Amino acid sequence: TRHQIGQLDDRLKLWREETSKDGLTGLVNRKQLDLVLDENLLKARTNETPLCLMVVDIDRFSEFNDAHGNAAGDSALRYVASCVKSNIKGQDTAGRYGGEELAVILPDTTIEHAVSLAERIRHLVNARHLVKKATGESMGRISVSIGLTECHGEESPEQCYERVEQCLLAAKAAGRNQVSMKADGEQTATADDIEEAAQADLTAAATA
C-alpha cells in the first residue's frame, strides 16, 4: 500500500509539472506564471525585498513567420526561450506570457541587476545567425525588445503586467532591439539612459 501511495504521489507530481509547462518552449505557462508572480509579490511585501518583472518580445515576429514559415517561427521562439533560461538563476521563473512574448519574474533582484540581465539576453539572442536545419537556408538574425519594471509588494499582478507592457511598447517605439524600464512607476527610461546617468555620476564623483 505504501508503495502504491508513493507511485501515486510521483504521478501526481509529474502531472502537476506537465500541466504547469508550455509545450513549445518548456517554460512555465501563463497560469503558473500568474501564480508565481502573486506569490512573489506577497514575499516582496512581507520581507521588503526587491522584485522585478521582465517581458521579452521577438521583433517583427509575424514578418519572420511569413518569410520562413511557422515551424521556423517555433524554432526561433524556442531559441529565445533557451537564451532566457540559460541566463536566469534558480529562484527566477521564466514563462510563456503569450504569443512570441516571454516573461521573467526576478525575486530579490534590484532594477540595476535586472537591466544587466536583460541586456545580456538581448545581446545573446542577436548574436546567432539562424539557419534552417533541414535545408541550410539562412534566416538571418533576430532581435528582441525587452520591457522591464520594478514591482512593489502592494501591487496586483495585473498592475505589474500593465506597467511592464508599457515599457515594452516604449522599447518598440524607440526602434526595437533594446531594453526599456520603468523603475518608479512614473518615468520610463531606456537602458542607455541608465548607462548615461551612471557615467555622469562617475564623472561628477571624479571631479568633486
C-alpha atoms as a PDB file:
ATOM      1  CA  THR A   1       0.000   0.000   0.000  1.00  0.00           C
ATOM      2  CA  ARG A   2       2.820   2.402   0.870  1.00  0.00           C
ATOM      3  CA  HIS A   3       4.450   1.593  -2.464  1.00  0.00           C
ATOM      4  CA  GLN A   4       1.212   2.307  -4.334  1.00  0.00           C
ATOM      5  CA  ILE A   5       0.769   5.608  -2.486  1.00  0.00           C
ATOM      6  CA  GLY A   6       4.322   6.541  -3.369  1.00  0.00           C
ATOM      7  CA  GLN A   7       3.675   5.785  -7.027  1.00  0.00           C
ATOM      8  CA  LEU A   8       0.510   7.895  -6.982  1.00  0.00           C
ATOM      9  CA  ASP A   9       2.417  10.783  -5.395  1.00  0.00           C
ATOM     10  CA  ASP A  10       5.092  10.566  -8.094  1.00  0.00           C
ATOM     11  CA  ARG A  11       2.458  10.541 -10.850  1.00  0.00           C
ATOM     12  CA  LEU A  12       0.665  13.500  -9.283  1.00  0.00           C
ATOM     13  CA  LYS A  13       3.916  15.453  -9.049  1.00  0.00           C
ATOM     14  CA  LEU A  14       4.712  14.661 -12.698  1.00  0.00           C
ATOM     15  CA  TRP A  15       1.191  15.663 -13.768  1.00  0.00           C
ATOM     16  CA  ARG A  16       1.471  18.982 -11.949  1.00  0.00           C
ATOM     17  CA  GLU A  17       4.819  19.688 -13.597  1.00  0.00           C
ATOM     18  CA  GLU A  18       3.472  18.837 -17.055  1.00  0.00           C
ATOM     19  CA  THR A  19       0.297  20.904 -16.686  1.00  0.00           C
ATOM     20  CA  SER A  20       2.274  23.928 -15.499  1.00  0.00           C
ATOM     21  CA  LYS A  21       4.571  23.990 -18.551  1.00  0.00           C
ATOM     22  CA  ASP A  22       4.225  25.469 -22.012  1.00  0.00           C
ATOM     23  CA  GLY A  23       4.524  22.691 -24.569  1.00  0.00           C
ATOM     24  CA  LEU A  24       6.541  24.677 -27.118  1.00  0.00           C
ATOM     25  CA  THR A  25       9.161  26.460 -25.008  1.00  0.00           C
ATOM     26  CA  GLY A  26       9.390  24.175 -21.977  1.00  0.00           C
ATOM     27  CA  LEU A  27       8.974  27.230 -19.737  1.00  0.00           C
ATOM     28  CA  VAL A  28       6.056  27.572 -17.344  1.00  0.00           C
ATOM     29  CA  ASN A  29       2.705  28.503 -18.849  1.00  0.00           C
ATOM     30  CA  ARG A  30       0.747  31.711 -18.265  1.00  0.00           C
ATOM     31  CA  LYS A  31      -1.379  30.266 -15.471  1.00  0.00           C
ATOM     32  CA  GLN A  32       1.672  29.165 -13.499  1.00  0.00           C
ATOM     33  CA  LEU A  33       3.398  32.473 -14.258  1.00  0.00           C
ATOM     34  CA  ASP A  34       0.499  34.371 -12.680  1.00  0.00           C
ATOM     35  CA  LEU A  35       0.599  32.175  -9.568  1.00  0.00           C
ATOM     36  CA  VAL A  36       4.347  32.643  -9.136  1.00  0.00           C
ATOM     37  CA  LEU A  37       4.106  36.418  -9.580  1.00  0.00           C
ATOM     38  CA  ASP A  38       1.332  36.599  -6.993  1.00  0.00           C
ATOM     39  CA  GLU A  39       3.422  34.570  -4.520  1.00  0.00           C
ATOM     40  CA  ASN A  40       6.491  36.728  -5.076  1.00  0.00           C
ATOM     41  CA  LEU A  41       4.541  39.953  -4.629  1.00  0.00           C
ATOM     42  CA  LEU A  42       3.451  38.645  -1.241  1.00  0.00           C
ATOM     43  CA  LYS A  43       7.055  37.776  -0.341  1.00  0.00           C
ATOM     44  CA  ALA A  44       8.275  41.195  -1.501  1.00  0.00           C
ATOM     45  CA  ARG A  45       5.670  42.883   0.670  1.00  0.00           C
ATOM     46  CA  THR A  46       6.357  40.672   3.706  1.00  0.00           C
ATOM     47  CA  ASN A  47      10.158  40.697   3.505  1.00  0.00           C
ATOM     48  CA  GLU A  48      10.558  44.166   1.955  1.00  0.00           C
ATOM     49  CA  THR A  49      12.759  42.736  -0.796  1.00  0.00           C
ATOM     50  CA  PRO A  50      13.110  43.881  -4.426  1.00  0.00           C
ATOM     51  CA  LEU A  51      11.166  42.217  -7.215  1.00  0.00           C
ATOM     52  CA  CYS A  52      11.446  42.834 -10.949  1.00  0.00           C
ATOM     53  CA  LEU A  53       9.398  41.683 -13.928  1.00  0.00           C
ATOM     54  CA  MET A  54      10.680  41.369 -17.495  1.00  0.00           C
ATOM     55  CA  VAL A  55       8.861  40.744 -20.775  1.00  0.00           C
ATOM     56  CA  VAL A  56      10.859  39.659 -23.828  1.00  0.00           C
ATOM     57  CA  ASP A  57       9.252  40.060 -27.256  1.00  0.00           C
ATOM     58  CA  ILE A  58      10.654  38.934 -30.617  1.00  0.00           C
ATOM     59  CA  ASP A  59      10.854  41.862 -33.017  1.00  0.00           C
ATOM     60  CA  ARG A  60       8.846  41.623 -36.250  1.00  0.00           C
ATOM     61  CA  PHE A  61       7.884  38.034 -35.460  1.00  0.00           C
ATOM     62  CA  SER A  62       4.937  37.917 -37.877  1.00  0.00           C
ATOM     63  CA  GLU A  63       7.239  39.020 -40.715  1.00  0.00           C
ATOM     64  CA  PHE A  64       9.709  36.288 -39.758  1.00  0.00           C
ATOM     65  CA  ASN A  65       6.911  33.707 -39.869  1.00  0.00           C
ATOM     66  CA  ASP A  66       5.691  34.953 -43.238  1.00  0.00           C
ATOM     67  CA  ALA A  67       9.196  34.740 -44.693  1.00  0.00           C
ATOM     68  CA  HIS A  68      10.303  31.396 -43.246  1.00  0.00           C
ATOM     69  CA  GLY A  69       7.175  29.550 -42.084  1.00  0.00           C
ATOM     70  CA  ASN A  70       5.532  28.788 -38.770  1.00  0.00           C
ATOM     71  CA  ALA A  71       7.883  25.903 -37.991  1.00  0.00           C
ATOM     72  CA  ALA A  72      10.843  28.284 -38.236  1.00  0.00           C
ATOM     73  CA  GLY A  73       8.963  30.717 -36.026  1.00  0.00           C
ATOM     74  CA  ASP A  74       8.522  27.998 -33.412  1.00  0.00           C
ATOM     75  CA  SER A  75      12.250  27.257 -33.584  1.00  0.00           C
ATOM     76  CA  ALA A  76      13.057  30.944 -33.134  1.00  0.00           C
ATOM     77  CA  LEU A  77      10.816  31.108 -30.079  1.00  0.00           C
ATOM     78  CA  ARG A  78      12.457  28.037 -28.581  1.00  0.00           C
ATOM     79  CA  TYR A  79      15.855  29.623 -29.248  1.00  0.00           C
ATOM     80  CA  VAL A  80      14.889  32.821 -27.409  1.00  0.00           C
ATOM     81  CA  ALA A  81      13.463  30.729 -24.563  1.00  0.00           C
ATOM     82  CA  SER A  82      16.785  28.874 -24.269  1.00  0.00           C
ATOM     83  CA  CYS A  83      18.679  32.193 -24.167  1.00  0.00           C
ATOM     84  CA  VAL A  84      16.444  33.357 -21.332  1.00  0.00           C
ATOM     85  CA  LYS A  85      16.571  30.079 -19.418  1.00  0.00           C
ATOM     86  CA  SER A  86      20.361  29.782 -19.602  1.00  0.00           C
ATOM     87  CA  ASN A  87      20.836  33.214 -18.012  1.00  0.00           C
ATOM     88  CA  ILE A  88      18.433  33.162 -15.050  1.00  0.00           C
ATOM     89  CA  LYS A  89      19.060  31.934 -11.523  1.00  0.00           C
ATOM     90  CA  GLY A  90      17.325  29.087  -9.696  1.00  0.00           C
ATOM     91  CA  GLN A  91      14.970  31.417  -7.846  1.00  0.00           C
ATOM     92  CA  ASP A  92      13.872  33.146 -11.077  1.00  0.00           C
ATOM     93  CA  THR A  93      10.886  31.979 -13.127  1.00  0.00           C
ATOM     94  CA  ALA A  94      10.606  32.252 -16.908  1.00  0.00           C
ATOM     95  CA  GLY A  95       7.345  31.558 -18.704  1.00  0.00           C
ATOM     96  CA  ARG A  96       5.365  31.880 -21.921  1.00  0.00           C
ATOM     97  CA  TYR A  97       3.499  35.145 -21.479  1.00  0.00           C
ATOM     98  CA  GLY A  98       1.603  34.936 -24.750  1.00  0.00           C
ATOM     99  CA  GLY A  99       2.336  34.531 -28.455  1.00  0.00           C
ATOM    100  CA  GLU A 100       6.005  35.362 -29.017  1.00  0.00           C
ATOM    101  CA  GLU A 101       6.330  37.034 -25.612  1.00  0.00           C
ATOM    102  CA  LEU A 102       8.168  35.522 -22.657  1.00  0.00           C
ATOM    103  CA  ALA A 103       8.082  36.856 -19.101  1.00  0.00           C
ATOM    104  CA  VAL A 104      10.677  36.503 -16.357  1.00  0.00           C
ATOM    105  CA  ILE A 105       9.979  37.001 -12.649  1.00  0.00           C
ATOM    106  CA  LEU A 106      13.104  38.118 -10.761  1.00  0.00           C
ATOM    107  CA  PRO A 107      12.769  37.975  -6.967  1.00  0.00           C
ATOM    108  CA  ASP A 108      15.444  39.538  -4.733  1.00  0.00           C
ATOM    109  CA  THR A 109      16.786  41.381  -7.779  1.00  0.00           C
ATOM    110  CA  THR A 110      17.400  45.120  -7.990  1.00  0.00           C
ATOM    111  CA  ILE A 111      16.467  47.040 -11.100  1.00  0.00           C
ATOM    112  CA  GLU A 112      20.167  47.608 -11.879  1.00  0.00           C
ATOM    113  CA  HIS A 113      20.903  43.877 -11.896  1.00  0.00           C
ATOM    114  CA  ALA A 114      17.733  43.220 -13.885  1.00  0.00           C
ATOM    115  CA  VAL A 115      18.857  45.690 -16.568  1.00  0.00           C
ATOM    116  CA  SER A 116      22.225  43.923 -16.834  1.00  0.00           C
ATOM    117  CA  LEU A 117      20.450  40.570 -17.221  1.00  0.00           C
ATOM    118  CA  ALA A 118      18.090  41.960 -19.858  1.00  0.00           C
ATOM    119  CA  GLU A 119      20.965  43.387 -21.874  1.00  0.00           C
ATOM    120  CA  ARG A 120      22.833  40.078 -21.663  1.00  0.00           C
ATOM    121  CA  ILE A 121      19.798  38.222 -23.012  1.00  0.00           C
ATOM    122  CA  ARG A 122      19.266  40.802 -25.763  1.00  0.00           C
ATOM    123  CA  HIS A 123      22.872  40.551 -26.981  1.00  0.00           C
ATOM    124  CA  LEU A 124      22.858  36.746 -26.809  1.00  0.00           C
ATOM    125  CA  VAL A 125      19.699  36.446 -28.915  1.00  0.00           C
ATOM    126  CA  ASN A 126      21.061  38.784 -31.585  1.00  0.00           C
ATOM    127  CA  ALA A 127      24.492  37.138 -31.718  1.00  0.00           C
ATOM    128  CA  ARG A 128      23.448  33.955 -33.504  1.00  0.00           C
ATOM    129  CA  HIS A 129      22.846  33.573 -37.227  1.00  0.00           C
ATOM    130  CA  LEU A 130      19.790  31.314 -37.612  1.00  0.00           C
ATOM    131  CA  VAL A 131      19.782  28.556 -40.230  1.00  0.00           C
ATOM    132  CA  LYS A 132      17.090  26.011 -41.159  1.00  0.00           C
ATOM    133  CA  LYS A 133      18.452  22.570 -40.257  1.00  0.00           C
ATOM    134  CA  ALA A 134      16.568  20.736 -42.978  1.00  0.00           C
ATOM    135  CA  THR A 135      17.639  22.923 -45.902  1.00  0.00           C
ATOM    136  CA  GLY A 136      20.549  25.008 -44.654  1.00  0.00           C
ATOM    137  CA  GLU A 137      18.590  28.124 -45.604  1.00  0.00           C
ATOM    138  CA  SER A 138      19.820  31.281 -43.897  1.00  0.00           C
ATOM    139  CA  MET A 139      17.193  33.068 -41.821  1.00  0.00           C
ATOM    140  CA  GLY A 140      19.469  35.846 -40.623  1.00  0.00           C
ATOM    141  CA  ARG A 141      19.483  37.177 -37.091  1.00  0.00           C
ATOM    142  CA  ILE A 142      16.546  38.005 -34.871  1.00  0.00           C
ATOM    143  CA  SER A 143      16.318  40.613 -32.156  1.00  0.00           C
ATOM    144  CA  VAL A 144      14.171  41.150 -29.087  1.00  0.00           C
ATOM    145  CA  SER A 145      12.744  44.162 -27.355  1.00  0.00           C
ATOM    146  CA  ILE A 146      12.543  43.938 -23.580  1.00  0.00           C
ATOM    147  CA  GLY A 147      10.280  45.701 -21.128  1.00  0.00           C
ATOM    148  CA  LEU A 148      11.457  45.761 -17.541  1.00  0.00           C
ATOM    149  CA  THR A 149       9.913  47.113 -14.357  1.00  0.00           C
ATOM    150  CA  GLU A 150      10.322  47.015 -10.607  1.00  0.00           C
ATOM    151  CA  CYS A 151       7.246  45.609  -8.842  1.00  0.00           C
ATOM    152  CA  HIS A 152       6.019  46.624  -5.417  1.00  0.00           C
ATOM    153  CA  GLY A 153       4.509  44.321  -2.849  1.00  0.00           C
ATOM    154  CA  GLU A 154       1.252  46.232  -2.538  1.00  0.00           C
ATOM    155  CA  GLU A 155       0.551  45.918  -6.266  1.00  0.00           C
ATOM    156  CA  SER A 156      -1.509  43.281  -8.039  1.00  0.00           C
ATOM    157  CA  PRO A 157      -0.052  41.094 -10.802  1.00  0.00           C
ATOM    158  CA  GLU A 158      -2.268  42.960 -13.268  1.00  0.00           C
ATOM    159  CA  GLN A 159      -0.707  46.290 -12.313  1.00  0.00           C
ATOM    160  CA  CYS A 160       2.792  44.887 -12.777  1.00  0.00           C
ATOM    161  CA  TYR A 161       1.905  43.403 -16.153  1.00  0.00           C
ATOM    162  CA  GLU A 162       0.327  46.651 -17.318  1.00  0.00           C
ATOM    163  CA  ARG A 163       3.417  48.676 -16.443  1.00  0.00           C
ATOM    164  CA  VAL A 164       5.912  46.244 -17.957  1.00  0.00           C
ATOM    165  CA  GLU A 165       3.846  46.159 -21.159  1.00  0.00           C
ATOM    166  CA  GLN A 166       4.123  49.947 -21.335  1.00  0.00           C
ATOM    167  CA  CYS A 167       7.878  49.598 -21.026  1.00  0.00           C
ATOM    168  CA  LEU A 168       7.891  47.018 -23.820  1.00  0.00           C
ATOM    169  CA  LEU A 169       5.914  49.368 -26.046  1.00  0.00           C
ATOM    170  CA  ALA A 170       8.457  52.107 -25.286  1.00  0.00           C
ATOM    171  CA  ALA A 171      11.286  49.803 -26.394  1.00  0.00           C
ATOM    172  CA  LYS A 172       9.432  49.025 -29.622  1.00  0.00           C
ATOM    173  CA  ALA A 173       8.654  52.682 -30.278  1.00  0.00           C
ATOM    174  CA  ALA A 174      12.307  53.641 -29.707  1.00  0.00           C
ATOM    175  CA  GLY A 175      13.433  51.388 -32.549  1.00  0.00           C
ATOM    176  CA  ARG A 176      13.307  47.810 -31.194  1.00  0.00           C
ATOM    177  CA  ASN A 177      16.265  45.627 -30.150  1.00  0.00           C
ATOM    178  CA  GLN A 178      16.636  47.416 -26.822  1.00  0.00           C
ATOM    179  CA  VAL A 179      15.640  47.422 -23.179  1.00  0.00           C
ATOM    180  CA  SER A 180      13.233  49.914 -21.677  1.00  0.00           C
ATOM    181  CA  MET A 181      12.373  50.110 -17.998  1.00  0.00           C
ATOM    182  CA  LYS A 182      10.185  51.983 -15.566  1.00  0.00           C
ATOM    183  CA  ALA A 183      11.628  51.771 -12.077  1.00  0.00           C
ATOM    184  CA  ASP A 184       9.302  54.082 -10.195  1.00  0.00           C
ATOM    185  CA  GLY A 185       6.002  53.514 -11.978  1.00  0.00           C
ATOM    186  CA  GLU A 186       6.024  57.047 -13.384  1.00  0.00           C
ATOM    187  CA  GLN A 187       9.006  57.649 -15.630  1.00  0.00           C
ATOM    188  CA  THR A 188      10.143  55.439 -18.477  1.00  0.00           C
ATOM    189  CA  ALA A 189      13.845  55.164 -19.235  1.00  0.00           C
ATOM    190  CA  THR A 190      15.868  53.031 -21.598  1.00  0.00           C
ATOM    191  CA  ALA A 191      18.923  51.039 -20.595  1.00  0.00           C
ATOM    192  CA  ASP A 192      21.028  53.590 -22.495  1.00  0.00           C
ATOM    193  CA  ASP A 193      19.583  56.316 -20.262  1.00  0.00           C
ATOM    194  CA  ILE A 194      20.639  54.336 -17.190  1.00  0.00           C
ATOM    195  CA  GLU A 195      24.149  53.870 -18.566  1.00  0.00           C
ATOM    196  CA  GLU A 196      24.457  57.597 -19.354  1.00  0.00           C
ATOM    197  CA  ALA A 197      23.246  58.527 -15.871  1.00  0.00           C
ATOM    198  CA  ALA A 198      25.727  56.124 -14.285  1.00  0.00           C
ATOM    199  CA  GLN A 199      28.589  57.584 -16.335  1.00  0.00           C
ATOM    200  CA  ALA A 200      27.513  61.098 -15.360  1.00  0.00           C
ATOM    201  CA  ASP A 201      27.542  60.112 -11.684  1.00  0.00           C
ATOM    202  CA  LEU A 202      31.050  58.662 -12.042  1.00  0.00           C
ATOM    203  CA  THR A 203      32.266  61.831 -13.766  1.00  0.00           C
ATOM    204  CA  ALA A 204      30.741  64.034 -11.081  1.00  0.00           C
ATOM    205  CA  ALA A 205      32.326  61.921  -8.350  1.00  0.00           C
ATOM    206  CA  ALA A 206      35.727  62.104 -10.036  1.00  0.00           C
ATOM    207  CA  THR A 207      35.623  65.888 -10.344  1.00  0.00           C
ATOM    208  CA  ALA A 208      34.158  66.564  -6.875  1.00  0.00           C
END
